[in-house]
C-alpha atoms as a PDB file:
ATOM      1  CA  MET A   1      11.207  80.867  66.064  1.00  0.00           C
ATOM      2  CA  GLU A   2      11.842  82.265  69.032  1.00  0.00           C
ATOM      3  CA  SER A   3      13.429  79.599  70.496  1.00  0.00           C
ATOM      4  CA  ASP A   4      16.072  79.634  67.872  1.00  0.00           C
ATOM      5  CA  THR A   5      16.202  83.190  68.154  1.00  0.00           C
ATOM      6  CA  SER A   6      16.727  83.462  72.291  1.00  0.00           C
ATOM      7  CA  GLY A   7      19.956  80.505  71.270  1.00  0.00           C
ATOM      8  CA  ARG A   8      21.221  82.581  68.599  1.00  0.00           C
ATOM      9  CA  ASN A   9      20.903  85.461  71.545  1.00  0.00           C
ATOM     10  CA  ARG A  10      22.805  82.937  74.212  1.00  0.00           C
ATOM     11  CA  THR A  11      25.755  81.995  71.629  1.00  0.00           C
ATOM     12  CA  MET A  12      26.466  85.569  70.789  1.00  0.00           C
ATOM     13  CA  ARG A  13      26.800  86.657  74.488  1.00  0.00           C
ATOM     14  CA  LEU A  14      29.191  83.743  75.517  1.00  0.00           C
ATOM     15  CA  ILE A  15      31.070  84.349  72.357  1.00  0.00           C
ATOM     16  CA  ILE A  16      30.829  88.483  73.423  1.00  0.00           C
ATOM     17  CA  MET A  17      31.792  87.471  77.078  1.00  0.00           C
ATOM     18  CA  SER A  18      34.759  84.766  75.650  1.00  0.00           C
ATOM     19  CA  ALA A  19      36.676  87.782  73.831  1.00  0.00           C
ATOM     20  CA  VAL A  20      36.311  89.705  76.533  1.00  0.00           C
ATOM     21  CA  LEU A  21      37.779  87.705  79.034  1.00  0.00           C
ATOM     22  CA  LEU A  22      40.421  86.694  76.546  1.00  0.00           C
ATOM     23  CA  PHE A  23      41.143  90.421  75.494  1.00  0.00           C
ATOM     24  CA  VAL A  24      41.308  91.065  79.591  1.00  0.00           C
ATOM     25  CA  ALA A  25      43.909  88.250  79.817  1.00  0.00           C
ATOM     26  CA  ILE A  26      45.463  89.017  77.162  1.00  0.00           C
ATOM     27  CA  CYS A  27      46.152  93.068  78.578  1.00  0.00           C
ATOM     28  CA  TYR A  28      46.627  91.408  81.863  1.00  0.00           C
ATOM     29  CA  GLY A  29      49.582  88.721  80.916  1.00  0.00           C
ATOM     30  CA  VAL A  30      51.199  92.319  78.934  1.00  0.00           C
ATOM     31  CA  TYR A  31      51.233  94.209  81.941  1.00  0.00           C
ATOM     32  CA  GLN A  32      52.519  91.256  83.880  1.00  0.00           C
ATOM     33  CA  LYS A  33      55.282  90.362  80.983  1.00  0.00           C
ATOM     34  CA  ARG A  34      56.128  94.662  81.175  1.00  0.00           C
ATOM     35  CA  LYS A  35      56.222  94.394  85.110  1.00  0.00           C
ATOM     36  CA  THR A  36      58.292  91.079  85.101  1.00  0.00           C
ATOM     37  CA  TYR A  37      60.795  93.246  82.484  1.00  0.00           C
ATOM     38  CA  ARG A  38      60.660  96.363  84.641  1.00  0.00           C
ATOM     39  CA  MET A  39      61.554  94.745  88.132  1.00  0.00           C
ATOM     40  CA  ILE A  40      64.164  92.709  86.246  1.00  0.00           C
ATOM     41  CA  ASP A  41      65.430  95.958  84.860  1.00  0.00           C
ATOM     42  CA  ARG A  42      65.080  97.185  87.948  1.00  0.00           C
ATOM     43  CA  LEU A  43      67.071  94.586  90.101  1.00  0.00           C
ATOM     44  CA  LEU A  44      70.068  94.629  87.111  1.00  0.00           C
ATOM     45  CA  ASP A  45      70.238  98.430  87.497  1.00  0.00           C
ATOM     46  CA  ASN A  46      71.108  97.806  91.334  1.00  0.00           C
ATOM     47  CA  VAL A  47      73.677  94.832  90.031  1.00  0.00           C
ATOM     48  CA  LEU A  48      75.153  97.387  87.838  1.00  0.00           C
ATOM     49  CA  SER A  49      75.429 100.221  90.641  1.00  0.00           C
ATOM     50  CA  GLN A  50      76.425  97.728  93.151  1.00  0.00           C
ATOM     51  CA  GLU A  51      73.827  98.854  95.285  1.00  0.00           C
ATOM     52  CA  MET A  52      72.493  95.464  97.306  1.00  0.00           C
ATOM     53  CA  ILE A  53      68.934  94.071  96.898  1.00  0.00           C
ATOM     54  CA  VAL A  54      66.829  93.592  99.679  1.00  0.00           C
ATOM     55  CA  TYR A  55      63.724  91.796  99.801  1.00  0.00           C
ATOM     56  CA  SER A  56      61.779  94.573 100.562  1.00  0.00           C
ATOM     57  CA  ASP A  57      61.904  95.841  96.737  1.00  0.00           C
ATOM     58  CA  VAL A  58      60.337  93.698  95.291  1.00  0.00           C
ATOM     59  CA  GLU A  59      57.294  91.702  95.881  1.00  0.00           C
ATOM     60  CA  GLU A  60      56.879  88.106  96.792  1.00  0.00           C
ATOM     61  CA  GLY A  61      55.671  85.243  94.985  1.00  0.00           C
ATOM     62  CA  GLU A  62      56.867  83.712  91.866  1.00  0.00           C
ATOM     63  CA  TYR A  63      59.839  85.773  91.438  1.00  0.00           C
ATOM     64  CA  SER A  64      61.614  84.965  94.876  1.00  0.00           C
ATOM     65  CA  ALA A  65      63.602  81.797  93.383  1.00  0.00           C
ATOM     66  CA  LEU A  66      64.674  84.678  90.320  1.00  0.00           C
ATOM     67  CA  ILE A  67      65.799  87.205  92.936  1.00  0.00           C
ATOM     68  CA  GLY A  68      67.578  84.989  95.148  1.00  0.00           C
ATOM     69  CA  LYS A  69      69.649  84.310  92.340  1.00  0.00           C
ATOM     70  CA  ILE A  70      70.710  87.756  90.826  1.00  0.00           C
ATOM     71  CA  ARG A  71      71.395  88.763  94.751  1.00  0.00           C
ATOM     72  CA  GLN A  72      73.717  85.727  94.519  1.00  0.00           C
ATOM     73  CA  ILE A  73      75.050  86.806  90.991  1.00  0.00           C
ATOM     74  CA  GLN A  74      75.545  90.370  92.990  1.00  0.00           C
ATOM     75  CA  GLU A  75      77.319  88.923  96.028  1.00  0.00           C
ATOM     76  CA  VAL A  76      80.137  86.931  93.933  1.00  0.00           C
ATOM     77  CA  LEU A  77      80.615  90.188  91.738  1.00  0.00           C
ATOM     78  CA  GLY A  78      80.977  91.677  94.866  1.00  0.00           C
ATOM     79  CA  SER A  79      83.631  89.848  96.534  1.00  0.00           C
ATOM     80  CA  HIS A  80      85.304  89.367  93.160  1.00  0.00           C
ATOM     81  CA  ALA A  81      85.127  93.363  92.987  1.00  0.00           C
ATOM     82  CA  GLN A  82      86.335  93.779  96.832  1.00  0.00           C
ATOM     83  CA  ASN A  83      88.980  90.487  96.435  1.00  0.00           C
ATOM     84  CA  ALA A  84      90.935  92.665  93.106  1.00  0.00           C
ATOM     85  CA  GLU A  85      90.743  96.207  95.156  1.00  0.00           C
ATOM     86  CA  ASN A  86      92.835  94.266  97.870  1.00  0.00           C
ATOM     87  CA  GLU A  87      95.414  92.719  95.768  1.00  0.00           C
ATOM     88  CA  LYS A  88      95.851  96.288  93.779  1.00  0.00           C
ATOM     89  CA  GLU A  89      96.712  97.185  97.277  1.00  0.00           C
ATOM     90  CA  GLN A  90      98.407  94.648  98.525  1.00  0.00           C
ATOM     91  CA  VAL A  91     100.784  94.788  95.461  1.00  0.00           C
ATOM     92  CA  LYS A  92     100.900  98.693  95.545  1.00  0.00           C
ATOM     93  CA  SER A  93     101.982  98.235  99.119  1.00  0.00           C
ATOM     94  CA  LEU A  94     104.245  95.233  98.057  1.00  0.00           C
ATOM     95  CA  VAL A  95     106.028  97.545  95.292  1.00  0.00           C
ATOM     96  CA  SER A  96     106.867 100.571  97.747  1.00  0.00           C
ATOM     97  CA  ASN A  97     107.962  98.072 100.087  1.00  0.00           C
ATOM     98  CA  MET A  98     110.357  96.892  98.211  1.00  0.00           C
ATOM     99  CA  SER A  99     111.814 100.325  96.868  1.00  0.00           C
ATOM    100  CA  HIS A 100     112.400 101.420  99.957  1.00  0.00           C
ATOM    101  CA  GLN A 101     113.859  97.862 100.941  1.00  0.00           C
ATOM    102  CA  LEU A 102     116.247  98.801  98.119  1.00  0.00           C
ATOM    103  CA  LYS A 103     116.982 101.888  98.380  1.00  0.00           C
ATOM    104  CA  THR A 104     119.675 101.861 100.740  1.00  0.00           C
ATOM    105  CA  PRO A 105     121.940  99.546  99.377  1.00  0.00           C
ATOM    106  CA  LEU A 106     121.313 100.454  95.970  1.00  0.00           C
ATOM    107  CA  ALA A 107     122.375 104.551  97.764  1.00  0.00           C
ATOM    108  CA  ASN A 108     125.611 102.985  99.705  1.00  0.00           C
ATOM    109  CA  LEU A 109     126.694 101.293  96.107  1.00  0.00           C
ATOM    110  CA  SER A 110     126.471 104.125  94.164  1.00  0.00           C
ATOM    111  CA  LEU A 111     128.279 106.131  96.823  1.00  0.00           C
ATOM    112  CA  TYR A 112     131.557 103.748  97.442  1.00  0.00           C
ATOM    113  CA  THR A 113     131.763 103.441  93.618  1.00  0.00           C
ATOM    114  CA  GLU A 114     132.047 107.319  93.593  1.00  0.00           C
ATOM    115  CA  ILE A 115     134.414 107.083  96.309  1.00  0.00           C
ATOM    116  CA  LEU A 116     136.593 103.871  94.555  1.00  0.00           C
ATOM    117  CA  ALA A 117     136.709 106.251  91.413  1.00  0.00           C
ATOM    118  CA  LYS A 118     138.670 108.800  92.963  1.00  0.00           C
ATOM    119  CA  ASP A 119     142.747 108.207  92.427  1.00  0.00           C
ATOM    120  CA  GLU A 120     144.063 108.875  96.013  1.00  0.00           C
ATOM    121  CA  LEU A 121     142.668 106.756  97.226  1.00  0.00           C
ATOM    122  CA  THR A 122     144.975 104.185  99.549  1.00  0.00           C
ATOM    123  CA  PRO A 123     145.280 100.746  98.274  1.00  0.00           C
ATOM    124  CA  GLU A 124     143.952  99.931 102.371  1.00  0.00           C
ATOM    125  CA  ARG A 125     141.107 102.124 102.054  1.00  0.00           C
ATOM    126  CA  ARG A 126     140.321 100.703  98.358  1.00  0.00           C
ATOM    127  CA  THR A 127     140.282  97.596 100.434  1.00  0.00           C
ATOM    128  CA  GLU A 128     137.778  99.104 102.984  1.00  0.00           C
ATOM    129  CA  PHE A 129     135.297 100.154 100.229  1.00  0.00           C
ATOM    130  CA  ALA A 130     135.423  97.072  98.075  1.00  0.00           C
ATOM    131  CA  GLY A 131     134.392  94.873 101.533  1.00  0.00           C
ATOM    132  CA  LYS A 132     131.647  97.348 102.203  1.00  0.00           C
ATOM    133  CA  MET A 133     130.445  97.045  98.841  1.00  0.00           C
ATOM    134  CA  GLN A 134     130.420  93.014  99.031  1.00  0.00           C
ATOM    135  CA  ARG A 135     128.295  93.789 101.837  1.00  0.00           C
ATOM    136  CA  GLN A 136     125.508  95.418 100.054  1.00  0.00           C
ATOM    137  CA  ILE A 137     125.982  92.961  97.692  1.00  0.00           C
ATOM    138  CA  ASP A 138     125.390  90.560 100.053  1.00  0.00           C
ATOM    139  CA  LYS A 139     122.425  92.432 101.710  1.00  0.00           C
ATOM    140  CA  LEU A 140     120.536  93.107  98.635  1.00  0.00           C
ATOM    141  CA  ASN A 141     121.005  89.194  97.096  1.00  0.00           C
ATOM    142  CA  TRP A 142     119.129  88.242 100.590  1.00  0.00           C
ATOM    143  CA  ILE A 143     116.449  90.853 100.437  1.00  0.00           C
ATOM    144  CA  VAL A 144     115.783  89.803  96.708  1.00  0.00           C
ATOM    145  CA  GLU A 145     116.082  85.621  97.945  1.00  0.00           C
ATOM    146  CA  SER A 146     113.787  86.912 101.132  1.00  0.00           C
ATOM    147  CA  LEU A 147     111.098  88.534  98.924  1.00  0.00           C
ATOM    148  CA  SER A 148     111.323  85.677  96.444  1.00  0.00           C
ATOM    149  CA  LYS A 149     110.172  82.659  99.121  1.00  0.00           C
ATOM    150  CA  MET A 150     107.409  85.731 100.219  1.00  0.00           C
ATOM    151  CA  VAL A 151     105.768  85.475  96.918  1.00  0.00           C
ATOM    152  CA  LYS A 152     106.153  81.744  96.112  1.00  0.00           C
ATOM    153  CA  LEU A 153     104.357  81.209  99.455  1.00  0.00           C
ATOM    154  CA  GLU A 154     101.936  83.461  99.107  1.00  0.00           C
ATOM    155  CA  GLN A 155     100.998  82.541  95.775  1.00  0.00           C
ATOM    156  CA  ASN A 156     101.110  78.626  96.803  1.00  0.00           C
ATOM    157  CA  ILE A 157     103.958  78.392  93.921  1.00  0.00           C
ATOM    158  CA  ASP A 158     106.411  76.236  95.772  1.00  0.00           C
ATOM    159  CA  ASP A 159     105.869  72.475  96.674  1.00  0.00           C
ATOM    160  CA  PHE A 160     105.210  73.058 100.093  1.00  0.00           C
ATOM    161  CA  GLU A 161     104.850  69.146 101.466  1.00  0.00           C
ATOM    162  CA  VAL A 162     104.536  68.417 105.604  1.00  0.00           C
ATOM    163  CA  GLN A 163     105.471  65.409 106.846  1.00  0.00           C
ATOM    164  CA  GLU A 164     106.286  63.442 109.851  1.00  0.00           C
ATOM    165  CA  THR A 165     109.698  64.207 110.246  1.00  0.00           C
ATOM    166  CA  MET A 166     111.947  64.188 113.374  1.00  0.00           C
ATOM    167  CA  ILE A 167     112.124  67.430 115.200  1.00  0.00           C
ATOM    168  CA  ARG A 168     115.708  67.711 116.526  1.00  0.00           C
ATOM    169  CA  GLN A 169     117.565  67.708 113.524  1.00  0.00           C
ATOM    170  CA  THR A 170     116.037  70.549 112.227  1.00  0.00           C
ATOM    171  CA  ILE A 171     116.773  72.596 115.448  1.00  0.00           C
ATOM    172  CA  LEU A 172     119.966  71.413 114.945  1.00  0.00           C
ATOM    173  CA  ASP A 173     120.440  72.231 111.614  1.00  0.00           C
ATOM    174  CA  ALA A 174     119.357  75.967 112.234  1.00  0.00           C
ATOM    175  CA  VAL A 175     121.916  76.040 114.880  1.00  0.00           C
ATOM    176  CA  ASP A 176     124.515  75.149 112.549  1.00  0.00           C
ATOM    177  CA  THR A 177     123.366  78.162 110.727  1.00  0.00           C
ATOM    178  CA  VAL A 178     123.758  81.034 112.864  1.00  0.00           C
ATOM    179  CA  TYR A 179     126.610  78.787 114.424  1.00  0.00           C
ATOM    180  CA  GLU A 180     129.358  81.469 113.709  1.00  0.00           C
ATOM    181  CA  LYS A 181     127.616  84.670 114.604  1.00  0.00           C
ATOM    182  CA  LEU A 182     126.848  83.593 117.646  1.00  0.00           C
ATOM    183  CA  GLU A 183     130.915  82.812 118.412  1.00  0.00           C
ATOM    184  CA  LYS A 184     131.616  86.395 116.886  1.00  0.00           C
ATOM    185  CA  LYS A 185     129.047  87.841 119.590  1.00  0.00           C
ATOM    186  CA  GLN A 186     130.116  85.351 122.091  1.00  0.00           C
ATOM    187  CA  ILE A 187     126.517  84.482 122.926  1.00  0.00           C
ATOM    188  CA  ARG A 188     126.057  81.408 124.638  1.00  0.00           C
ATOM    189  CA  LEU A 189     123.597  79.032 123.428  1.00  0.00           C
ATOM    190  CA  GLU A 190     121.586  76.508 125.635  1.00  0.00           C
ATOM    191  CA  MET A 191     119.329  73.693 124.521  1.00  0.00           C
ATOM    192  CA  GLU A 192     117.534  71.951 127.344  1.00  0.00           C
ATOM    193  CA  PRO A 193     117.475  67.828 127.085  1.00  0.00           C
ATOM    194  CA  PHE A 194     114.868  66.669 125.458  1.00  0.00           C
ATOM    195  CA  GLU A 195     113.887  63.527 123.680  1.00  0.00           C
ATOM    196  CA  ASP A 196     113.629  63.566 119.770  1.00  0.00           C
ATOM    197  CA  MET A 197     109.648  63.166 118.318  1.00  0.00           C
ATOM    198  CA  ARG A 198     108.173  63.521 114.818  1.00  0.00           C
ATOM    199  CA  LEU A 199     106.660  66.137 114.087  1.00  0.00           C
ATOM    200  CA  TYR A 200     104.301  67.571 111.428  1.00  0.00           C
ATOM    201  CA  HIS A 201     106.465  69.785 109.483  1.00  0.00           C
ATOM    202  CA  ASN A 202     108.680  70.712 106.127  1.00  0.00           C
ATOM    203  CA  ARG A 203     112.156  70.562 107.279  1.00  0.00           C
ATOM    204  CA  LYS A 204     113.890  73.385 104.817  1.00  0.00           C
ATOM    205  CA  TRP A 205     110.853  75.813 106.070  1.00  0.00           C
ATOM    206  CA  THR A 206     110.847  75.237 109.242  1.00  0.00           C
ATOM    207  CA  VAL A 207     114.719  75.264 109.347  1.00  0.00           C
ATOM    208  CA  GLU A 208     114.463  79.340 108.030  1.00  0.00           C
ATOM    209  CA  VAL A 209     111.948  80.044 110.676  1.00  0.00           C
ATOM    210  CA  PHE A 210     114.184  78.666 113.317  1.00  0.00           C
ATOM    211  CA  VAL A 211     117.125  81.043 111.442  1.00  0.00           C
ATOM    212  CA  ASN A 212     115.302  84.022 111.841  1.00  0.00           C
ATOM    213  CA  LEU A 213     113.918  83.584 115.085  1.00  0.00           C
ATOM    214  CA  LEU A 214     117.434  82.965 115.899  1.00  0.00           C
ATOM    215  CA  GLU A 215     119.052  85.385 114.130  1.00  0.00           C
ATOM    216  CA  ASN A 216     116.969  88.269 115.447  1.00  0.00           C
ATOM    217  CA  ALA A 217     117.569  87.226 119.063  1.00  0.00           C
ATOM    218  CA  VAL A 218     121.823  87.026 118.232  1.00  0.00           C
ATOM    219  CA  LYS A 219     121.129  90.716 116.275  1.00  0.00           C
ATOM    220  CA  TYR A 220     119.284  92.399 119.882  1.00  0.00           C
ATOM    221  CA  THR A 221     121.191  90.789 122.384  1.00  0.00           C
ATOM    222  CA  GLU A 222     124.495  92.007 123.477  1.00  0.00           C
ATOM    223  CA  LYS A 223     127.687  90.530 123.555  1.00  0.00           C
ATOM    224  CA  GLY A 224     128.188  88.213 126.520  1.00  0.00           C
ATOM    225  CA  GLY A 225     124.553  87.409 125.861  1.00  0.00           C
ATOM    226  CA  SER A 226     122.330  84.145 126.349  1.00  0.00           C
ATOM    227  CA  ILE A 227     120.105  82.542 124.263  1.00  0.00           C
ATOM    228  CA  PHE A 228     117.643  79.848 125.295  1.00  0.00           C
ATOM    229  CA  ILE A 229     115.710  76.692 122.983  1.00  0.00           C
ATOM    230  CA  ARG A 230     113.395  74.577 125.044  1.00  0.00           C
ATOM    231  CA  ILE A 231     110.789  72.195 124.199  1.00  0.00           C
ATOM    232  CA  LYS A 232     107.282  71.580 125.902  1.00  0.00           C
ATOM    233  CA  THR A 233     105.060  69.038 125.234  1.00  0.00           C
ATOM    234  CA  TYR A 234     101.407  69.469 125.109  1.00  0.00           C
ATOM    235  CA  GLU A 235      98.164  66.898 123.777  1.00  0.00           C
ATOM    236  CA  LEU A 236      97.961  67.945 120.548  1.00  0.00           C
ATOM    237  CA  TYR A 237     101.116  70.567 120.002  1.00  0.00           C
ATOM    238  CA  THR A 238     104.559  70.723 120.584  1.00  0.00           C
ATOM    239  CA  GLU A 239     105.949  74.458 121.981  1.00  0.00           C
ATOM    240  CA  ILE A 240     109.577  75.009 120.244  1.00  0.00           C
ATOM    241  CA  GLN A 241     110.587  77.937 122.361  1.00  0.00           C
ATOM    242  CA  PHE A 242     113.449  80.491 121.401  1.00  0.00           C
ATOM    243  CA  ALA A 243     114.450  82.781 124.845  1.00  0.00           C
ATOM    244  CA  ASP A 244     116.869  85.284 124.257  1.00  0.00           C
ATOM    245  CA  THR A 245     118.344  88.007 127.046  1.00  0.00           C
ATOM    246  CA  GLY A 246     118.409  90.980 124.650  1.00  0.00           C
ATOM    247  CA  ARG A 247     116.585  94.319 124.564  1.00  0.00           C
ATOM    248  CA  GLY A 248     112.770  92.574 124.633  1.00  0.00           C
ATOM    249  CA  ILE A 249     110.128  94.827 122.453  1.00  0.00           C
ATOM    250  CA  ARG A 250     107.603  96.546 123.817  1.00  0.00           C
ATOM    251  CA  GLN A 251     104.055  95.725 124.712  1.00  0.00           C
ATOM    252  CA  GLU A 252     102.047  97.769 122.071  1.00  0.00           C
ATOM    253  CA  GLU A 253     104.188  96.379 119.105  1.00  0.00           C
ATOM    254  CA  GLN A 254     104.366  92.923 119.822  1.00  0.00           C
ATOM    255  CA  VAL A 255     101.272  92.406 117.281  1.00  0.00           C
ATOM    256  CA  ARG A 256     102.685  94.373 114.436  1.00  0.00           C
ATOM    257  CA  ILE A 257     106.294  92.571 113.967  1.00  0.00           C
ATOM    258  CA  PHE A 258     104.341  89.603 112.493  1.00  0.00           C
ATOM    259  CA  LYS A 259     103.129  92.029 109.428  1.00  0.00           C
ATOM    260  CA  ARG A 260     104.910  92.541 106.243  1.00  0.00           C
ATOM    261  CA  PHE A 261     107.856  95.065 106.402  1.00  0.00           C
ATOM    262  CA  TYR A 262     107.057  96.330 109.706  1.00  0.00           C
ATOM    263  CA  ARG A 263     110.365  97.750 111.501  1.00  0.00           C
ATOM    264  CA  SER A 264     109.723  99.218 115.017  1.00  0.00           C
ATOM    265  CA  PRO A 265     111.334 103.098 114.890  1.00  0.00           C
ATOM    266  CA  GLU A 266     113.891 101.851 117.862  1.00  0.00           C
ATOM    267  CA  VAL A 267     115.661  99.317 115.454  1.00  0.00           C
ATOM    268  CA  GLU A 268     115.216 101.376 112.044  1.00  0.00           C
ATOM    269  CA  HIS A 269     119.191 101.816 111.802  1.00  0.00           C
ATOM    270  CA  THR A 270     119.602  98.203 112.548  1.00  0.00           C
ATOM    271  CA  GLU A 271     120.118  95.783 109.810  1.00  0.00           C
ATOM    272  CA  GLY A 272     117.414  94.468 108.982  1.00  0.00           C
ATOM    273  CA  SER A 273     114.335  94.373 106.564  1.00  0.00           C
ATOM    274  CA  GLY A 274     110.990  93.618 108.321  1.00  0.00           C
ATOM    275  CA  ILE A 275     110.520  90.313 106.103  1.00  0.00           C
ATOM    276  CA  GLY A 276     112.187  87.725 108.399  1.00  0.00           C
ATOM    277  CA  LEU A 277     108.759  87.289 111.336  1.00  0.00           C
ATOM    278  CA  TYR A 278     106.065  87.620 108.072  1.00  0.00           C
ATOM    279  CA  LEU A 279     107.820  85.010 106.261  1.00  0.00           C
ATOM    280  CA  SER A 280     107.496  82.716 109.914  1.00  0.00           C
ATOM    281  CA  ASN A 281     104.165  83.434 110.742  1.00  0.00           C
ATOM    282  CA  LEU A 282     103.338  82.453 106.578  1.00  0.00           C
ATOM    283  CA  ILE A 283     105.673  79.591 106.971  1.00  0.00           C
ATOM    284  CA  LEU A 284     104.025  77.945 109.897  1.00  0.00           C
ATOM    285  CA  GLU A 285     100.359  78.632 108.736  1.00  0.00           C
ATOM    286  CA  LYS A 286     101.008  76.364 106.248  1.00  0.00           C
ATOM    287  CA  GLU A 287     102.176  73.891 108.130  1.00  0.00           C
ATOM    288  CA  LYS A 288      98.734  74.498 110.616  1.00  0.00           C
ATOM    289  CA  GLY A 289     101.139  75.315 113.377  1.00  0.00           C
ATOM    290  CA  TYR A 290     101.605  79.145 114.710  1.00  0.00           C
ATOM    291  CA  ILE A 291     103.485  81.242 116.751  1.00  0.00           C
ATOM    292  CA  THR A 292     103.680  83.463 119.577  1.00  0.00           C
ATOM    293  CA  VAL A 293     106.196  86.019 122.066  1.00  0.00           C
ATOM    294  CA  SER A 294     105.992  87.901 124.786  1.00  0.00           C
ATOM    295  CA  SER A 295     107.936  89.603 125.994  1.00  0.00           C
ATOM    296  CA  ILE A 296     109.799  91.892 128.834  1.00  0.00           C
ATOM    297  CA  TYR A 297     110.679  95.152 127.476  1.00  0.00           C
ATOM    298  CA  GLY A 298     114.569  95.863 128.033  1.00  0.00           C
ATOM    299  CA  LYS A 299     114.919  92.316 129.733  1.00  0.00           C
ATOM    300  CA  SER A 300     114.213  89.332 127.256  1.00  0.00           C
ATOM    301  CA  SER A 301     112.093  88.017 124.564  1.00  0.00           C
ATOM    302  CA  CYS A 302     110.851  84.138 124.122  1.00  0.00           C
ATOM    303  CA  PHE A 303     109.164  83.313 120.711  1.00  0.00           C
ATOM    304  CA  SER A 304     106.846  79.845 120.848  1.00  0.00           C
ATOM    305  CA  VAL A 305     106.913  77.766 117.871  1.00  0.00           C
ATOM    306  CA  PHE A 306     104.192  75.587 118.363  1.00  0.00           C
ATOM    307  CA  LEU A 307     104.285  72.636 115.311  1.00  0.00           C
ATOM    308  CA  GLN A 308     101.538  69.588 115.602  1.00  0.00           C
ATOM    309  CA  ASN A 309     102.068  66.139 117.139  1.00  0.00           C
ATOM    310  CA  CYS A 310     101.985  62.850 115.086  1.00  0.00           C
ATOM    311  CA  LYS A 311      98.679  61.038 115.529  1.00  0.00           C
ATOM    312  CA  ASN A 312     100.828  58.113 116.056  1.00  0.00           C
ATOM    313  CA  LYS A 313     102.247  58.151 119.381  1.00  0.00           C
ATOM    314  CA  SER A 314     105.045  55.529 118.775  1.00  0.00           C
ATOM    315  CA  SER A 315     106.262  57.496 116.143  1.00  0.00           C
ATOM    316  CA  VAL A 316     108.675  59.072 119.078  1.00  0.00           C
ATOM    317  CA  CYS A 317     111.759  58.026 118.442  1.00  0.00           C
ATOM    318  CA  LYS A 318     113.464  56.614 121.337  1.00  0.00           C
ATOM    319  CA  GLU A 319     116.743  55.643 120.563  1.00  0.00           C
ATOM    320  CA  THR A 320     117.596  58.661 119.741  1.00  0.00           C
ATOM    321  CA  ALA A 321     120.076  60.351 122.192  1.00  0.00           C
ATOM    322  CA  ARG A 322     118.998  63.049 124.257  1.00  0.00           C
ATOM    323  CA  CYS A 323     120.147  66.593 122.933  1.00  0.00           C
ATOM    324  CA  VAL A 324     121.933  67.719 126.282  1.00  0.00           C
ATOM    325  CA  GLY A 325     123.100  71.129 125.075  1.00  0.00           C
ATOM    326  CA  TYR A 326     124.619  73.417 122.611  1.00  0.00           C
ATOM    327  CA  THR A 327     128.501  72.462 123.691  1.00  0.00           C
ATOM    328  CA  GLU A 328     127.584  68.124 122.498  1.00  0.00           C
ATOM    329  CA  HIS A 329     125.966  69.326 119.162  1.00  0.00           C
ATOM    330  CA  ILE A 330     128.651  71.426 118.579  1.00  0.00           C
ATOM    331  CA  LYS A 331     131.141  68.222 119.019  1.00  0.00           C
ATOM    332  CA  ASP A 332     128.951  66.162 117.260  1.00  0.00           C
ATOM    333  CA  ARG A 333     129.228  68.103 114.282  1.00  0.00           C
ATOM    334  CA  GLU A 334     133.000  68.399 114.682  1.00  0.00           C
ATOM    335  CA  ARG A 335     133.055  64.624 114.648  1.00  0.00           C
END
């Protein structure tokens, strides 16, 4: 009888202990669940408020992987937000600069239109102002075309293919483009002899770079001055130099001139848009090349374009005649 009672008591104690342990386990599970919810809620609050999560904010353990994932999400969202803000500022800056670039020729056109409307103008004066209007229209077309090229390159809209291409023809195409301007200012162009070779570049866009550099050299070189084109080959790159005897560039401005729409205060009254050098730098970046400048203020400037050499050295064209100067180049064109 006593053994039966003792057995029942032990059973009851086991049942009670099991019930207590189960209750404690349930309470602990509820506590941990609420703790997890509170921690996740706090982490999400940090994400929404864009506050960086640090591991000291939470306890390490089984939630470390979750914390790491949330931090990654936070970093991605932060990066997207920063990119969106940067793009917003870039668009704002672009619109402002475009407005500034277009304002002057449009104002001039408006003024010339008012003048041409006057009856007392002589035929000669009408012809003069009609010519001025045409120059302003040409300037507007050039600005719009340059902006279009810039946007295409920045947004990767244009098909930009880089190939192994002979460099001599690229240089000569650029010289052809500025020939009349050189003649008008009686500027002498000298091109040192060099052996033609294949370099990695896009001919159409690289001609654009060379034309920009040559036109700037013509613009800022006095009548009767000189421009020099020199080619130097190194192990990985070939350097194409465009040097002039122009006004030079101040040391502190030599980095700024490659920024979009930048123009030196000293040349703000000279025709220009501040797009050319920025566009040139953008083109060369896409070709895995680069551009540098050295200058002695008041004496000269030298812009150096670096294009990648072809890996296969046998691609050098041995049969192409040496380019022995600007005079020979012009004769070649006239034949």
